[in-house]
């Protein structure tokens, strides 16, 4: 079974959810915040987790570095996404935001399924991650008002334990040991994006174990 076929089936089943998210959450905050239910006034949002087809065994994962002009999470590594418009579902919003940020037509995205919802306190956003497949582009026509850089990383990179590190960071005005992924020379991949990715990696690891890859 190909990975994309596996994911399309696996994402319909019960997911690791909080168990995968916790791997990238500071221990000091393990009982509050992002692992809690979002408040009723949380903004409904969605992100696209874009997997890029390649000739290699594993796809690439596409990330963006958010523009310094944005209100929330400026300069951070993230998945393309944003708030749902009225009468819009998470899948439609994720594809629309991907088109607006990265410039790839909505028709070029093949949806595989959804990961577990996650709450982001700083922006008060209840986020649904949507996993999609796209072809690789020679040039990403990004919206520079929202995106300053596109990063492509082989999904297999995240199966290697050495891709994870821990650093001391200021979180909610407290010094905490925060886990993160190593994919950029200056910017750690941490927070909600790291937690979403952790769940994708968990189910991908199931595929790798089944196929001894």
N, C-alpha and C. Protein backbone atom coordinates (compact mmCIF):
# COMPACT_ATOMS: atom_id res chain seq x y z
N UNK A 1 0.84 -1.20 0.00
CA UNK A 1 0.00 0.00 0.00
C UNK A 1 0.88 1.25 0.00
N UNK A 2 0.58 2.18 -0.87
CA UNK A 2 1.31 3.43 -0.92
C UNK A 2 0.99 4.28 0.32
N UNK A 3 1.93 5.17 0.69
CA UNK A 3 1.74 6.00 1.87
C UNK A 3 0.47 6.82 1.79
N UNK A 4 0.19 7.44 0.65
CA UNK A 4 -0.98 8.29 0.54
C UNK A 4 -2.26 7.47 0.71
N UNK A 5 -2.30 6.27 0.15
CA UNK A 5 -3.46 5.40 0.34
C UNK A 5 -3.61 5.03 1.81
N UNK A 6 -2.47 4.74 2.44
CA UNK A 6 -2.48 4.40 3.86
C UNK A 6 -3.05 5.56 4.68
N UNK A 7 -2.56 6.77 4.42
CA UNK A 7 -3.02 7.92 5.19
C UNK A 7 -4.50 8.20 4.96
N UNK A 8 -4.96 8.07 3.72
CA UNK A 8 -6.37 8.32 3.44
C UNK A 8 -7.25 7.38 4.26
N UNK A 9 -6.79 6.14 4.45
CA UNK A 9 -7.54 5.18 5.26
C UNK A 9 -7.33 5.44 6.75
N UNK A 10 -6.08 5.67 7.15
CA UNK A 10 -5.75 5.80 8.58
C UNK A 10 -6.37 7.04 9.19
N UNK A 11 -6.51 8.10 8.44
CA UNK A 11 -7.06 9.33 8.99
C UNK A 11 -8.56 9.25 9.25
N UNK A 12 -9.19 8.17 8.81
CA UNK A 12 -10.60 7.95 9.11
C UNK A 12 -10.77 7.18 10.42
N UNK A 13 -9.66 6.68 10.99
CA UNK A 13 -9.68 5.88 12.21
C UNK A 13 -9.33 6.76 13.41
N UNK A 14 -9.54 6.22 14.65
CA UNK A 14 -9.11 6.98 15.84
C UNK A 14 -7.63 7.34 15.76
N UNK A 15 -7.30 8.56 16.12
CA UNK A 15 -5.94 9.08 15.97
C UNK A 15 -5.24 9.24 17.32
N UNK A 16 -3.90 9.35 17.31
CA UNK A 16 -3.16 9.50 18.57
C UNK A 16 -3.55 10.75 19.37
N UNK A 17 -3.90 11.82 18.65
CA UNK A 17 -4.37 13.04 19.32
C UNK A 17 -3.43 13.55 20.39
N UNK A 18 -3.96 13.65 21.62
CA UNK A 18 -3.22 14.27 22.71
C UNK A 18 -1.91 13.56 23.02
N UNK A 19 -1.86 12.25 22.82
CA UNK A 19 -0.62 11.52 23.11
C UNK A 19 0.51 11.99 22.20
N UNK A 20 0.19 12.28 20.94
CA UNK A 20 1.20 12.80 20.02
C UNK A 20 1.48 14.28 20.29
N UNK A 21 0.44 15.04 20.61
CA UNK A 21 0.61 16.47 20.88
C UNK A 21 1.52 16.71 22.09
N UNK A 22 1.38 15.90 23.12
CA UNK A 22 2.12 16.10 24.36
C UNK A 22 3.63 16.04 24.16
N UNK A 23 4.08 15.35 23.13
CA UNK A 23 5.52 15.22 22.90
C UNK A 23 6.18 16.56 22.62
N UNK A 24 5.36 17.54 22.20
CA UNK A 24 5.91 18.86 21.87
C UNK A 24 5.26 19.97 22.71
N UNK A 25 4.91 19.58 23.93
CA UNK A 25 4.30 20.55 24.84
C UNK A 25 5.11 20.59 26.13
N UNK A 26 5.46 21.77 26.64
CA UNK A 26 6.24 21.84 27.89
C UNK A 26 5.55 21.10 29.02
N UNK A 27 6.31 20.32 29.77
CA UNK A 27 5.75 19.55 30.88
C UNK A 27 5.03 20.44 31.89
N UNK A 28 5.53 21.66 32.08
CA UNK A 28 4.94 22.55 33.07
C UNK A 28 3.51 22.95 32.73
N UNK A 29 3.15 22.84 31.46
CA UNK A 29 1.81 23.25 31.03
C UNK A 29 0.96 22.06 30.60
N UNK A 30 1.33 20.87 31.01
CA UNK A 30 0.70 19.66 30.47
C UNK A 30 -0.77 19.53 30.80
N UNK A 31 -1.26 20.24 31.80
CA UNK A 31 -2.66 20.05 32.19
C UNK A 31 -3.55 21.22 31.76
N UNK A 32 -3.00 22.19 31.04
CA UNK A 32 -3.80 23.36 30.69
C UNK A 32 -3.61 23.73 29.22
N UNK A 33 -4.23 24.83 28.86
CA UNK A 33 -3.99 25.50 27.58
C UNK A 33 -4.32 24.63 26.38
N UNK A 34 -3.31 24.28 25.55
CA UNK A 34 -3.60 23.66 24.27
C UNK A 34 -4.17 22.26 24.36
N UNK A 35 -4.00 21.59 25.50
CA UNK A 35 -4.57 20.26 25.60
C UNK A 35 -5.96 20.31 26.23
N UNK A 36 -6.45 21.53 26.52
CA UNK A 36 -7.80 21.70 27.05
C UNK A 36 -8.77 21.97 25.91
N UNK A 37 -10.06 21.84 26.20
CA UNK A 37 -11.07 22.16 25.20
C UNK A 37 -11.05 23.66 24.92
N UNK A 38 -11.21 24.08 23.66
CA UNK A 38 -11.21 25.51 23.35
C UNK A 38 -12.44 26.19 23.94
N UNK A 39 -12.33 27.48 24.30
CA UNK A 39 -13.50 28.20 24.80
C UNK A 39 -14.53 28.39 23.69
N UNK A 40 -15.74 28.72 24.09
CA UNK A 40 -16.83 28.86 23.12
C UNK A 40 -16.60 30.01 22.15
N UNK A 41 -15.77 30.99 22.54
CA UNK A 41 -15.54 32.13 21.65
C UNK A 41 -14.29 31.96 20.78
N UNK A 42 -13.69 30.77 20.79
CA UNK A 42 -12.49 30.53 19.98
C UNK A 42 -12.79 30.70 18.50
N UNK A 43 -11.85 31.23 17.75
CA UNK A 43 -12.00 31.41 16.31
C UNK A 43 -11.84 30.05 15.63
N UNK A 44 -12.80 29.68 14.83
CA UNK A 44 -12.70 28.43 14.08
C UNK A 44 -11.75 28.63 12.90
N UNK A 45 -10.70 27.82 12.86
CA UNK A 45 -9.65 27.98 11.86
C UNK A 45 -9.26 26.62 11.29
N UNK A 46 -8.48 26.65 10.22
CA UNK A 46 -8.00 25.41 9.61
C UNK A 46 -6.63 25.67 9.00
N UNK A 47 -5.81 24.63 8.96
CA UNK A 47 -4.53 24.69 8.26
C UNK A 47 -4.44 23.52 7.30
N UNK A 48 -3.69 23.71 6.24
CA UNK A 48 -3.40 22.62 5.31
C UNK A 48 -2.01 22.08 5.65
N UNK A 49 -1.92 20.77 5.80
CA UNK A 49 -0.64 20.09 5.98
C UNK A 49 -0.28 19.53 4.60
N UNK A 50 0.53 20.28 3.80
CA UNK A 50 0.75 19.89 2.40
C UNK A 50 1.88 18.86 2.26
N UNK A 51 1.57 17.73 1.65
CA UNK A 51 2.55 16.72 1.32
C UNK A 51 2.84 16.80 -0.17
N UNK A 52 4.10 16.90 -0.53
CA UNK A 52 4.50 17.09 -1.92
C UNK A 52 4.93 15.77 -2.54
N UNK A 53 4.30 15.39 -3.63
CA UNK A 53 4.70 14.17 -4.34
C UNK A 53 6.13 14.31 -4.85
N UNK A 54 6.87 13.20 -4.76
CA UNK A 54 8.23 13.18 -5.30
C UNK A 54 8.47 11.83 -5.96
N UNK A 55 9.60 11.69 -6.62
CA UNK A 55 9.99 10.40 -7.18
C UNK A 55 10.63 9.50 -6.13
N UNK A 56 10.93 10.07 -4.97
CA UNK A 56 11.55 9.30 -3.90
C UNK A 56 10.49 8.52 -3.13
N UNK A 57 10.95 7.72 -2.16
CA UNK A 57 10.05 6.90 -1.38
C UNK A 57 9.11 7.74 -0.52
N UNK A 58 9.62 8.85 -0.01
CA UNK A 58 8.85 9.67 0.91
C UNK A 58 8.51 11.02 0.30
N UNK A 59 7.33 11.57 0.60
CA UNK A 59 7.00 12.92 0.13
C UNK A 59 7.73 13.96 0.94
N UNK A 60 7.66 15.19 0.46
CA UNK A 60 8.15 16.35 1.21
C UNK A 60 6.98 16.97 1.97
N UNK A 61 7.28 17.60 3.09
CA UNK A 61 6.28 18.37 3.82
C UNK A 61 6.57 19.85 3.60
N UNK A 62 5.56 20.60 3.23
CA UNK A 62 5.73 22.03 2.97
C UNK A 62 5.34 22.84 4.20
N UNK A 63 6.22 23.75 4.58
CA UNK A 63 5.96 24.70 5.67
C UNK A 63 6.16 26.12 5.13
N UNK A 64 5.59 27.08 5.83
CA UNK A 64 5.85 28.47 5.52
C UNK A 64 6.45 29.17 6.73
N UNK A 65 7.22 30.21 6.48
CA UNK A 65 7.66 31.12 7.55
C UNK A 65 6.76 32.34 7.45
N UNK A 66 6.06 32.62 8.54
CA UNK A 66 5.07 33.69 8.53
C UNK A 66 5.73 35.07 8.47
N UNK A 67 5.10 35.97 7.72
CA UNK A 67 5.61 37.32 7.55
C UNK A 67 5.64 38.07 8.88
N UNK A 68 6.60 38.98 8.98
CA UNK A 68 6.70 39.84 10.16
C UNK A 68 5.57 40.88 10.20
N UNK A 69 4.83 41.00 9.11
CA UNK A 69 3.74 41.98 9.05
C UNK A 69 2.46 41.47 9.71
N UNK A 70 2.38 40.19 10.00
CA UNK A 70 1.15 39.61 10.53
C UNK A 70 0.98 39.92 12.01
N UNK A 71 -0.24 39.76 12.49
CA UNK A 71 -0.56 40.08 13.89
C UNK A 71 -0.11 38.99 14.84
N UNK A 72 -0.32 37.73 14.47
CA UNK A 72 -0.03 36.62 15.36
C UNK A 72 1.08 35.73 14.80
N UNK A 73 1.90 35.18 15.70
CA UNK A 73 2.91 34.17 15.36
C UNK A 73 3.86 34.64 14.25
N UNK A 74 4.24 35.91 14.27
CA UNK A 74 5.10 36.47 13.23
C UNK A 74 6.47 35.78 13.22
N UNK A 75 6.98 35.54 12.02
CA UNK A 75 8.30 34.96 11.86
C UNK A 75 8.41 33.50 12.25
N UNK A 76 7.31 32.86 12.56
CA UNK A 76 7.34 31.46 12.98
C UNK A 76 7.09 30.53 11.80
N UNK A 77 7.55 29.30 11.95
CA UNK A 77 7.27 28.26 10.96
C UNK A 77 5.87 27.73 11.21
N UNK A 78 5.10 27.60 10.15
CA UNK A 78 3.72 27.16 10.31
C UNK A 78 3.26 26.40 9.07
N UNK A 79 2.05 25.88 9.15
CA UNK A 79 1.36 25.38 7.97
C UNK A 79 0.45 26.48 7.45
N UNK A 80 0.22 26.56 6.14
CA UNK A 80 -0.69 27.58 5.61
C UNK A 80 -2.09 27.41 6.20
N UNK A 81 -2.71 28.51 6.56
CA UNK A 81 -4.05 28.39 7.12
C UNK A 81 -4.56 29.70 7.66
N UNK A 82 -5.77 29.65 8.22
CA UNK A 82 -6.38 30.85 8.78
C UNK A 82 -7.81 30.59 9.20
N UNK A 83 -8.50 31.66 9.45
CA UNK A 83 -9.87 31.61 9.98
C UNK A 83 -10.86 31.17 8.92
N UNK A 84 -11.88 30.42 9.35
CA UNK A 84 -12.95 30.02 8.45
C UNK A 84 -13.82 31.23 8.11
N UNK A 85 -14.17 31.38 6.84
CA UNK A 85 -15.16 32.37 6.44
C UNK A 85 -16.55 31.86 6.79
N UNK A 86 -17.54 32.76 6.84
CA UNK A 86 -18.92 32.31 7.11
C UNK A 86 -19.36 31.23 6.12
N UNK A 87 -20.04 30.23 6.63
CA UNK A 87 -20.58 29.13 5.82
C UNK A 87 -19.47 28.32 5.12
N UNK A 88 -18.28 28.34 5.68
CA UNK A 88 -17.15 27.61 5.10
C UNK A 88 -16.71 26.52 6.07
N UNK A 89 -16.43 25.32 5.54
CA UNK A 89 -15.93 24.23 6.36
C UNK A 89 -14.42 24.26 6.44
N UNK A 90 -13.84 23.44 7.34
CA UNK A 90 -12.38 23.42 7.50
C UNK A 90 -11.63 23.07 6.23
N UNK A 91 -12.12 22.13 5.46
CA UNK A 91 -11.40 21.72 4.25
C UNK A 91 -11.37 22.84 3.24
N UNK A 92 -12.52 23.49 3.05
CA UNK A 92 -12.57 24.61 2.10
C UNK A 92 -11.67 25.75 2.56
N UNK A 93 -11.67 26.02 3.86
CA UNK A 93 -10.84 27.12 4.38
C UNK A 93 -9.35 26.81 4.22
N UNK A 94 -8.96 25.57 4.51
CA UNK A 94 -7.55 25.20 4.42
C UNK A 94 -7.04 25.34 2.98
N UNK A 95 -7.83 24.89 2.03
CA UNK A 95 -7.43 24.97 0.63
C UNK A 95 -7.40 26.42 0.16
N UNK A 96 -8.40 27.19 0.57
CA UNK A 96 -8.43 28.61 0.18
C UNK A 96 -7.22 29.36 0.73
N UNK A 97 -6.92 29.14 2.01
CA UNK A 97 -5.78 29.82 2.62
C UNK A 97 -4.46 29.40 1.96
N UNK A 98 -4.35 28.13 1.61
CA UNK A 98 -3.15 27.66 0.92
C UNK A 98 -2.97 28.38 -0.41
N UNK A 99 -4.07 28.53 -1.13
CA UNK A 99 -4.03 29.25 -2.40
C UNK A 99 -3.65 30.72 -2.19
N UNK A 100 -4.20 31.35 -1.15
CA UNK A 100 -3.94 32.76 -0.90
C UNK A 100 -2.50 33.00 -0.45
N UNK A 101 -1.94 32.06 0.32
CA UNK A 101 -0.60 32.25 0.88
C UNK A 101 0.51 31.77 -0.05
N UNK A 102 0.31 30.62 -0.67
CA UNK A 102 1.38 29.99 -1.45
C UNK A 102 1.16 30.14 -2.96
N UNK A 103 -0.08 30.43 -3.37
CA UNK A 103 -0.34 30.70 -4.77
C UNK A 103 -0.63 29.50 -5.64
N UNK A 104 -0.88 28.34 -5.03
CA UNK A 104 -1.18 27.14 -5.79
C UNK A 104 -2.69 26.99 -5.92
N UNK A 105 -3.22 26.71 -7.12
CA UNK A 105 -4.67 26.61 -7.32
C UNK A 105 -5.31 25.57 -6.41
N UNK A 106 -6.51 25.87 -5.95
CA UNK A 106 -7.22 24.95 -5.08
C UNK A 106 -7.44 23.60 -5.74
N UNK A 107 -7.62 23.61 -7.05
CA UNK A 107 -7.87 22.38 -7.78
C UNK A 107 -6.66 21.43 -7.78
N UNK A 108 -5.50 21.95 -7.40
CA UNK A 108 -4.27 21.14 -7.40
C UNK A 108 -4.06 20.39 -6.10
N UNK A 109 -4.98 20.55 -5.13
CA UNK A 109 -4.84 19.92 -3.82
C UNK A 109 -5.76 18.70 -3.74
N UNK A 110 -5.19 17.56 -3.40
CA UNK A 110 -5.96 16.33 -3.15
C UNK A 110 -6.03 16.11 -1.64
N UNK A 111 -7.22 16.12 -1.08
CA UNK A 111 -7.39 15.98 0.36
C UNK A 111 -7.37 14.49 0.76
N UNK A 112 -6.56 14.18 1.79
CA UNK A 112 -6.48 12.81 2.30
C UNK A 112 -7.33 12.63 3.55
N UNK A 113 -7.49 13.66 4.35
CA UNK A 113 -8.26 13.55 5.58
C UNK A 113 -7.86 14.61 6.58
N UNK A 114 -8.30 14.41 7.83
CA UNK A 114 -8.07 15.39 8.89
C UNK A 114 -7.28 14.78 10.04
N UNK A 115 -6.47 15.61 10.69
CA UNK A 115 -5.82 15.26 11.94
C UNK A 115 -6.67 15.79 13.10
N UNK A 116 -6.24 15.51 14.33
CA UNK A 116 -7.00 15.93 15.50
C UNK A 116 -7.02 17.44 15.64
N UNK A 117 -8.16 18.03 16.01
CA UNK A 117 -8.22 19.47 16.25
C UNK A 117 -7.28 19.88 17.38
N UNK A 118 -6.86 21.13 17.37
CA UNK A 118 -5.94 21.64 18.39
C UNK A 118 -6.29 23.09 18.68
N UNK A 119 -6.11 23.49 19.93
CA UNK A 119 -6.41 24.86 20.34
C UNK A 119 -5.12 25.66 20.51
N UNK A 120 -5.10 26.90 19.97
CA UNK A 120 -3.93 27.78 20.06
C UNK A 120 -4.31 29.00 20.89
N UNK A 121 -3.91 29.06 22.17
CA UNK A 121 -4.33 30.15 23.06
C UNK A 121 -3.93 31.55 22.61
N UNK A 122 -2.67 31.80 22.13
CA UNK A 122 -2.30 33.19 21.82
C UNK A 122 -3.22 33.86 20.80
N UNK A 123 -3.72 33.09 19.84
CA UNK A 123 -4.63 33.66 18.84
C UNK A 123 -6.07 33.22 19.08
N UNK A 124 -6.31 32.49 20.18
CA UNK A 124 -7.65 31.99 20.51
C UNK A 124 -8.29 31.28 19.32
N UNK A 125 -7.52 30.36 18.73
CA UNK A 125 -7.97 29.67 17.52
C UNK A 125 -8.16 28.18 17.78
N UNK A 126 -9.30 27.66 17.38
CA UNK A 126 -9.57 26.23 17.40
C UNK A 126 -9.31 25.72 15.97
N UNK A 127 -8.22 24.98 15.80
CA UNK A 127 -7.71 24.67 14.46
C UNK A 127 -7.98 23.21 14.08
N UNK A 128 -8.47 23.03 12.86
CA UNK A 128 -8.60 21.69 12.27
C UNK A 128 -7.51 21.53 11.22
N UNK A 129 -6.58 20.58 11.41
CA UNK A 129 -5.54 20.34 10.40
C UNK A 129 -6.05 19.40 9.29
N UNK A 130 -5.88 19.82 8.06
CA UNK A 130 -6.30 19.05 6.88
C UNK A 130 -5.04 18.59 6.14
N UNK A 131 -4.94 17.30 5.88
CA UNK A 131 -3.78 16.75 5.16
C UNK A 131 -4.11 16.69 3.68
N UNK A 132 -3.26 17.29 2.85
CA UNK A 132 -3.47 17.30 1.41
C UNK A 132 -2.21 16.97 0.64
N UNK A 133 -2.37 16.55 -0.60
CA UNK A 133 -1.25 16.19 -1.47
C UNK A 133 -1.20 17.15 -2.64
N UNK A 134 0.01 17.61 -2.98
CA UNK A 134 0.20 18.51 -4.11
C UNK A 134 1.42 18.05 -4.90
N UNK A 135 1.52 18.53 -6.13
CA UNK A 135 2.72 18.30 -6.93
C UNK A 135 3.77 19.34 -6.56
N UNK A 136 5.02 18.99 -6.77
CA UNK A 136 6.09 19.92 -6.46
C UNK A 136 6.15 21.02 -7.52
N UNK A 137 6.36 22.24 -7.09
CA UNK A 137 6.46 23.38 -7.99
C UNK A 137 7.91 23.83 -8.09
N UNK A 138 8.29 24.30 -9.28
CA UNK A 138 9.64 24.84 -9.44
C UNK A 138 9.76 26.20 -8.77
N UNK A 139 8.61 26.83 -8.56
CA UNK A 139 8.57 28.15 -7.93
C UNK A 139 7.26 28.27 -7.18
N UNK A 140 7.33 28.71 -5.92
CA UNK A 140 6.11 28.92 -5.14
C UNK A 140 5.77 30.41 -5.19
N UNK A 141 4.69 30.80 -5.86
CA UNK A 141 4.34 32.22 -5.99
C UNK A 141 3.67 32.74 -4.71
N UNK A 142 4.47 32.91 -3.66
CA UNK A 142 3.94 33.24 -2.34
C UNK A 142 3.38 34.65 -2.27
N UNK A 143 2.46 34.84 -1.33
CA UNK A 143 1.93 36.16 -0.99
C UNK A 143 2.87 36.74 0.07
N UNK A 144 3.73 37.67 -0.31
CA UNK A 144 4.77 38.17 0.59
C UNK A 144 4.21 38.97 1.77
N UNK A 145 2.94 39.34 1.70
CA UNK A 145 2.33 40.01 2.84
C UNK A 145 2.08 39.02 3.99
N UNK A 146 2.01 37.74 3.65
CA UNK A 146 1.73 36.72 4.66
C UNK A 146 2.87 35.73 4.85
N UNK A 147 3.65 35.50 3.79
CA UNK A 147 4.68 34.45 3.82
C UNK A 147 6.01 35.04 3.39
N UNK A 148 7.07 34.74 4.14
CA UNK A 148 8.39 35.22 3.74
C UNK A 148 9.30 34.11 3.23
N UNK A 149 8.89 32.86 3.45
CA UNK A 149 9.74 31.74 3.00
C UNK A 149 8.93 30.47 2.97
N UNK A 150 9.25 29.59 2.00
CA UNK A 150 8.67 28.25 1.94
C UNK A 150 9.79 27.24 2.22
N UNK A 151 9.49 26.26 3.04
CA UNK A 151 10.45 25.23 3.41
C UNK A 151 9.91 23.87 3.01
N UNK A 152 10.75 23.05 2.39
CA UNK A 152 10.36 21.68 2.02
C UNK A 152 11.28 20.71 2.77
N UNK A 153 10.67 19.78 3.50
CA UNK A 153 11.44 18.83 4.31
C UNK A 153 10.92 17.42 4.05
N UNK A 154 11.79 16.45 3.76
CA UNK A 154 11.31 15.07 3.58
C UNK A 154 10.59 14.58 4.83
N UNK A 155 9.46 13.94 4.65
CA UNK A 155 8.71 13.41 5.78
C UNK A 155 9.56 12.42 6.58
N UNK A 156 10.44 11.71 5.90
CA UNK A 156 11.30 10.73 6.57
C UNK A 156 12.23 11.38 7.59
N UNK A 157 12.54 12.67 7.40
CA UNK A 157 13.41 13.39 8.34
C UNK A 157 12.86 13.31 9.76
N UNK A 158 11.54 13.37 9.88
CA UNK A 158 10.91 13.44 11.19
C UNK A 158 10.80 12.08 11.87
N UNK A 159 11.10 11.01 11.13
CA UNK A 159 11.12 9.68 11.73
C UNK A 159 12.42 9.44 12.50
N UNK A 160 13.41 10.28 12.28
CA UNK A 160 14.71 10.17 12.93
C UNK A 160 14.66 10.92 14.27
N UNK A 161 14.91 10.24 15.40
CA UNK A 161 14.87 10.91 16.70
C UNK A 161 15.78 12.13 16.80
N UNK A 162 16.85 12.17 16.02
CA UNK A 162 17.77 13.30 16.09
C UNK A 162 17.16 14.58 15.51
N UNK A 163 16.01 14.48 14.86
CA UNK A 163 15.35 15.67 14.32
C UNK A 163 14.66 16.49 15.41
N UNK A 164 14.60 15.95 16.63
CA UNK A 164 13.97 16.64 17.76
C UNK A 164 15.01 17.16 18.74
N UNK A 165 14.77 18.34 19.27
CA UNK A 165 15.65 18.94 20.27
C UNK A 165 14.81 19.61 21.34
N UNK A 166 15.48 20.11 22.38
CA UNK A 166 14.81 20.85 23.46
C UNK A 166 15.60 22.12 23.73
N UNK A 167 14.89 23.22 23.90
CA UNK A 167 15.54 24.50 24.22
C UNK A 167 14.75 25.20 25.32
N UNK A 168 15.43 26.05 26.07
CA UNK A 168 14.77 26.86 27.09
C UNK A 168 14.20 28.10 26.43
N UNK A 169 12.90 28.31 26.61
CA UNK A 169 12.23 29.44 25.99
C UNK A 169 11.33 30.12 27.02
N UNK A 170 11.00 31.38 26.72
CA UNK A 170 10.09 32.13 27.56
C UNK A 170 8.66 31.87 27.08
N UNK A 171 7.87 31.15 27.87
CA UNK A 171 6.50 30.81 27.52
C UNK A 171 5.58 31.34 28.62
N UNK A 172 4.65 32.21 28.23
CA UNK A 172 3.75 32.82 29.21
C UNK A 172 4.54 33.42 30.38
N UNK A 173 5.67 34.08 30.04
CA UNK A 173 6.52 34.78 31.00
C UNK A 173 7.20 33.83 31.99
N UNK A 174 7.36 32.59 31.59
CA UNK A 174 8.06 31.61 32.41
C UNK A 174 9.10 30.91 31.55
N UNK A 175 10.25 30.60 32.13
CA UNK A 175 11.28 29.85 31.44
C UNK A 175 10.93 28.36 31.47
N UNK A 176 10.81 27.76 30.30
CA UNK A 176 10.42 26.36 30.21
C UNK A 176 11.27 25.63 29.19
N UNK A 177 11.38 24.32 29.38
CA UNK A 177 12.05 23.46 28.41
C UNK A 177 11.03 23.08 27.33
N UNK A 178 11.27 23.55 26.12
CA UNK A 178 10.30 23.37 25.04
C UNK A 178 10.88 22.48 23.95
N UNK A 179 10.22 21.36 23.62
CA UNK A 179 10.67 20.51 22.51
C UNK A 179 10.40 21.19 21.17
N UNK A 180 11.26 20.91 20.19
CA UNK A 180 11.04 21.45 18.85
C UNK A 180 11.69 20.54 17.81
N UNK A 181 11.26 20.72 16.55
CA UNK A 181 11.85 20.00 15.41
C UNK A 181 12.96 20.86 14.80
N UNK A 182 14.01 20.21 14.33
CA UNK A 182 15.11 20.91 13.64
C UNK A 182 14.89 20.85 12.13
N UNK A 183 14.49 21.98 11.53
CA UNK A 183 14.35 22.02 10.07
C UNK A 183 14.89 23.31 9.46
N UNK A 184 15.28 24.27 10.31
CA UNK A 184 15.68 25.59 9.83
C UNK A 184 16.89 26.05 10.64
N UNK A 185 17.87 26.70 10.01
CA UNK A 185 19.08 27.10 10.74
C UNK A 185 18.85 28.15 11.82
N UNK A 186 17.81 28.94 11.71
CA UNK A 186 17.56 29.99 12.71
C UNK A 186 16.25 29.83 13.48
N UNK A 187 15.25 29.18 12.88
CA UNK A 187 13.90 29.18 13.45
C UNK A 187 13.52 27.78 13.90
N UNK A 188 13.20 27.59 15.18
CA UNK A 188 12.74 26.27 15.63
C UNK A 188 11.29 26.03 15.19
N UNK A 189 10.99 24.79 14.89
CA UNK A 189 9.60 24.42 14.59
C UNK A 189 9.00 23.90 15.89
N UNK A 190 8.20 24.73 16.53
CA UNK A 190 7.67 24.38 17.83
C UNK A 190 6.21 24.79 17.91
N UNK A 191 5.61 24.66 19.08
CA UNK A 191 4.23 25.09 19.28
C UNK A 191 3.22 24.21 18.56
N UNK A 192 2.11 24.83 18.16
CA UNK A 192 1.00 24.09 17.59
C UNK A 192 1.39 23.35 16.31
N UNK A 193 2.21 23.98 15.48
CA UNK A 193 2.63 23.33 14.23
C UNK A 193 3.43 22.07 14.53
N UNK A 194 4.31 22.14 15.52
CA UNK A 194 5.08 20.96 15.91
C UNK A 194 4.17 19.86 16.44
N UNK A 195 3.14 20.23 17.17
CA UNK A 195 2.21 19.26 17.73
C UNK A 195 1.38 18.59 16.64
N UNK A 196 0.93 19.38 15.66
CA UNK A 196 0.19 18.82 14.53
C UNK A 196 1.07 17.85 13.76
N UNK A 197 2.30 18.28 13.49
CA UNK A 197 3.25 17.43 12.76
C UNK A 197 3.53 16.15 13.54
N UNK A 198 3.60 16.24 14.85
CA UNK A 198 3.88 15.07 15.68
C UNK A 198 2.83 13.98 15.46
N UNK A 199 1.58 14.37 15.31
CA UNK A 199 0.54 13.37 15.07
C UNK A 199 0.68 12.75 13.69
N UNK A 200 0.97 13.58 12.68
CA UNK A 200 1.20 13.04 11.34
C UNK A 200 2.37 12.06 11.34
N UNK A 201 3.43 12.41 12.05
CA UNK A 201 4.61 11.53 12.12
C UNK A 201 4.26 10.23 12.83
N UNK A 202 3.41 10.30 13.86
CA UNK A 202 3.03 9.10 14.59
C UNK A 202 2.31 8.10 13.68
N UNK A 203 1.39 8.58 12.86
CA UNK A 203 0.69 7.65 11.97
C UNK A 203 1.59 7.22 10.81
N UNK A 204 2.49 8.09 10.38
CA UNK A 204 3.45 7.71 9.34
C UNK A 204 4.38 6.62 9.84
N UNK A 205 4.74 6.70 11.12
CA UNK A 205 5.60 5.67 11.70
C UNK A 205 4.91 4.30 11.68
N UNK A 206 3.61 4.29 11.83
CA UNK A 206 2.86 3.04 11.73
C UNK A 206 3.04 2.43 10.34
N UNK A 207 2.96 3.28 9.32
CA UNK A 207 3.16 2.82 7.94
C UNK A 207 4.56 2.28 7.76
N UNK A 208 5.55 3.01 8.28
CA UNK A 208 6.95 2.59 8.13
C UNK A 208 7.19 1.25 8.81
N UNK A 209 6.58 1.03 9.97
CA UNK A 209 6.76 -0.22 10.69
C UNK A 209 6.09 -1.38 9.94
N UNK A 210 4.93 -1.12 9.38
CA UNK A 210 4.23 -2.16 8.62
C UNK A 210 5.01 -2.57 7.38
N UNK A 211 5.71 -1.61 6.79
CA UNK A 211 6.43 -1.88 5.54
C UNK A 211 7.93 -1.99 5.74
N UNK A 212 8.36 -1.97 7.01
CA UNK A 212 9.78 -2.14 7.36
C UNK A 212 10.67 -1.13 6.63
N UNK A 213 10.21 0.12 6.60
CA UNK A 213 10.96 1.16 5.89
C UNK A 213 11.68 2.05 6.90
